[in-house]
Amino acid sequence: MRQQPEKSLRQRALEYLSKREYSAVELAQKLKAYASETDDIAALIADFKTRGWLSDARYTEQMVHARQAKFGIARVANELREKGIDDSLVAEAVAKLQVNEVERAGEIWRKKFKAAPATREEWAKQARFLQSRGFTFDVIKNILNRHAEDDSPEDYS
């Protein structure tokens, strides 16, 4: 049985990037496991950025697109920061998400809960759910109070 030759760090990085976008910090962390003392990960990352193969802006755009249907601004921004994305890119992403934050929260709420909260306990439960998804308290109040008003008895007369 023939042994496969050891892949270079550059080959591994290209394989990772061929599957999905990565932030520079995230790719560097993945490559650390395979790096030897002579490998210069920072130089490799810089080269990939110069060639346009690695872009934190592209990664941010892809991450926001994938996450916006399930999560609020706080959660998306936190995930981006955890991946080492620059604060200016995070601020741009947050600005884009703020445009329709209430509508997205309402859609997520509708998928999970069929009716407005009838008791304080239900209100708290639904609020905790939306909060865990990364929505602010103002957005949560807006959604839950709007739906509570929609289901008020005078609507049924």
Protein backbone atom coordinates (compact mmCIF):
# COMPACT_ATOMS: atom_id res chain seq x y z
CA MET A 1 0.00 0.00 0.00
CA ARG A 2 1.40 3.37 -1.04
CA GLN A 3 1.40 6.19 1.44
CA GLN A 4 0.04 9.54 0.34
CA PRO A 5 2.66 12.27 0.34
CA GLU A 6 2.19 14.88 3.04
CA LYS A 7 0.06 17.79 1.85
CA SER A 8 1.61 21.22 1.99
CA LEU A 9 0.03 23.92 4.10
CA ARG A 10 -0.85 25.79 0.90
CA GLN A 11 -2.68 22.73 -0.48
CA ARG A 12 -4.64 22.30 2.73
CA ALA A 13 -5.61 25.98 2.76
CA LEU A 14 -6.80 25.76 -0.86
CA GLU A 15 -8.82 22.63 -0.06
CA TYR A 16 -10.52 24.40 2.85
CA LEU A 17 -11.30 27.46 0.75
CA SER A 18 -12.63 25.36 -2.12
CA LYS A 19 -15.37 24.06 0.19
CA ARG A 20 -16.52 27.35 1.77
CA GLU A 21 -15.43 30.84 2.78
CA TYR A 22 -13.28 31.25 5.88
CA SER A 23 -12.19 34.30 7.83
CA ALA A 24 -8.43 34.84 7.95
CA VAL A 25 -8.33 34.05 11.68
CA GLU A 26 -10.43 30.90 11.26
CA LEU A 27 -8.26 29.58 8.40
CA ALA A 28 -5.07 30.30 10.34
CA GLN A 29 -6.43 28.33 13.32
CA LYS A 30 -7.31 25.38 11.09
CA LEU A 31 -3.83 25.38 9.52
CA LYS A 32 -2.00 25.54 12.88
CA ALA A 33 -2.69 21.85 13.45
CA TYR A 34 -0.69 20.96 10.33
CA ALA A 35 2.04 23.60 10.47
CA SER A 36 5.63 22.82 11.22
CA GLU A 37 8.04 25.24 12.87
CA THR A 38 9.31 26.41 9.47
CA ASP A 39 5.85 27.21 8.07
CA ASP A 40 4.78 30.85 8.02
CA ILE A 41 0.99 30.85 8.27
CA ALA A 42 0.79 34.65 8.41
CA ALA A 43 2.65 34.96 5.08
CA LEU A 44 0.39 32.33 3.49
CA ILE A 45 -2.74 34.15 4.71
CA ALA A 46 -1.37 37.48 3.43
CA ASP A 47 -0.62 35.91 0.03
CA PHE A 48 -4.14 34.47 -0.22
CA LYS A 49 -5.63 37.86 0.69
CA THR A 50 -3.53 39.61 -1.98
CA ARG A 51 -4.66 37.13 -4.61
CA GLY A 52 -8.30 37.58 -3.56
CA TRP A 53 -8.70 33.95 -2.50
CA LEU A 54 -9.39 34.91 1.10
CA SER A 55 -11.63 37.82 2.03
CA ASP A 56 -13.09 38.70 5.40
CA ALA A 57 -15.65 40.91 3.63
CA ARG A 58 -16.83 37.99 1.49
CA TYR A 59 -16.90 35.73 4.55
CA THR A 60 -18.97 38.30 6.44
CA GLU A 61 -21.44 38.61 3.58
CA GLN A 62 -21.81 34.83 3.33
CA MET A 63 -22.20 34.41 7.10
CA VAL A 64 -24.84 37.16 7.33
CA HIS A 65 -26.76 35.66 4.42
CA ALA A 66 -26.74 32.21 6.02
CA ARG A 67 -27.60 33.36 9.56
CA GLN A 68 -30.14 36.15 9.03
CA ALA A 69 -33.09 33.79 8.57
CA LYS A 70 -32.60 32.30 12.04
CA PHE A 71 -30.81 34.84 14.20
CA GLY A 72 -30.88 38.47 15.29
CA ILE A 73 -28.24 41.15 15.11
CA ALA A 74 -26.62 40.40 18.48
CA ARG A 75 -26.09 36.73 17.69
CA VAL A 76 -24.75 37.32 14.16
CA ALA A 77 -22.42 40.10 15.34
CA ASN A 78 -21.11 37.91 18.16
CA GLU A 79 -20.40 35.01 15.80
CA LEU A 80 -18.56 37.32 13.41
CA ARG A 81 -16.41 38.71 16.23
CA GLU A 82 -15.63 35.15 17.39
CA LYS A 83 -14.33 34.39 13.90
CA GLY A 84 -11.96 37.36 14.07
CA ILE A 85 -13.84 39.71 11.78
CA ASP A 86 -12.84 43.39 12.01
CA ASP A 87 -15.25 45.67 13.89
CA SER A 88 -15.85 47.85 10.83
CA LEU A 89 -17.11 44.83 8.85
CA VAL A 90 -19.26 43.75 11.81
CA ALA A 91 -20.75 47.27 11.99
CA GLU A 92 -21.55 47.15 8.25
CA ALA A 93 -23.27 43.78 8.66
CA VAL A 94 -25.27 45.03 11.64
CA ALA A 95 -26.41 48.09 9.68
CA LYS A 96 -27.68 45.85 6.86
CA LEU A 97 -29.51 43.58 9.30
CA GLN A 98 -31.16 46.45 11.20
CA VAL A 99 -33.23 47.38 8.16
CA ASN A 100 -35.57 44.41 8.55
CA GLU A 101 -34.82 43.16 12.08
CA VAL A 102 -38.44 43.38 13.28
CA GLU A 103 -39.80 41.53 10.23
CA ARG A 104 -37.23 38.74 10.61
CA ALA A 105 -37.97 38.42 14.34
CA GLY A 106 -41.69 38.25 13.58
CA GLU A 107 -41.15 35.51 11.01
CA ILE A 108 -39.00 33.47 13.41
CA TRP A 109 -41.57 33.97 16.17
CA ARG A 110 -44.40 32.84 13.83
CA LYS A 111 -42.57 29.63 12.93
CA LYS A 112 -42.05 28.69 16.59
CA PHE A 113 -45.23 29.96 18.23
CA LYS A 114 -48.68 29.80 16.69
CA ALA A 115 -50.40 32.17 19.14
CA ALA A 116 -49.62 35.30 21.10
CA PRO A 117 -48.73 34.79 24.75
CA ALA A 118 -51.82 34.60 26.97
CA THR A 119 -50.03 34.65 30.31
CA ARG A 120 -46.93 36.27 31.75
CA GLU A 121 -45.20 32.89 31.76
CA GLU A 122 -45.87 32.37 28.05
CA TRP A 123 -44.70 35.92 27.34
CA ALA A 124 -41.47 35.26 29.25
CA LYS A 125 -40.95 31.94 27.46
CA GLN A 126 -41.42 33.50 24.03
CA ALA A 127 -39.20 36.45 24.99
CA ARG A 128 -36.43 34.09 26.16
CA PHE A 129 -36.65 32.21 22.87
CA LEU A 130 -36.25 35.39 20.82
CA GLN A 131 -33.50 36.61 23.11
CA SER A 132 -31.59 33.35 22.66
CA ARG A 133 -31.78 33.96 18.91
CA GLY A 134 -30.02 37.30 19.35
CA PHE A 135 -32.84 39.81 19.17
CA THR A 136 -32.81 42.95 21.33
CA PHE A 137 -35.39 43.55 24.04
CA ASP A 138 -36.96 46.42 22.05
CA VAL A 139 -37.54 44.11 19.08
CA ILE A 140 -38.87 41.35 21.35
CA LYS A 141 -41.32 43.75 23.05
CA ASN A 142 -42.43 45.04 19.66
CA ILE A 143 -43.14 41.52 18.34
CA LEU A 144 -44.84 40.08 21.42
CA ASN A 145 -46.92 43.16 22.21
CA ARG A 146 -48.00 43.52 18.58
CA HIS A 147 -49.19 39.92 18.46
CA ALA A 148 -50.90 40.23 21.84
CA GLU A 149 -52.85 43.23 20.47
CA ASP A 150 -53.69 41.30 17.28
CA ASP A 151 -55.30 38.54 19.35
CA SER A 152 -57.26 40.89 21.64
CA PRO A 153 -60.98 40.04 22.20
CA GLU A 154 -62.28 43.12 20.36
CA ASP A 155 -60.81 41.68 17.14
CA TYR A 156 -63.25 38.77 17.41
CA SER A 157 -66.47 40.76 17.86
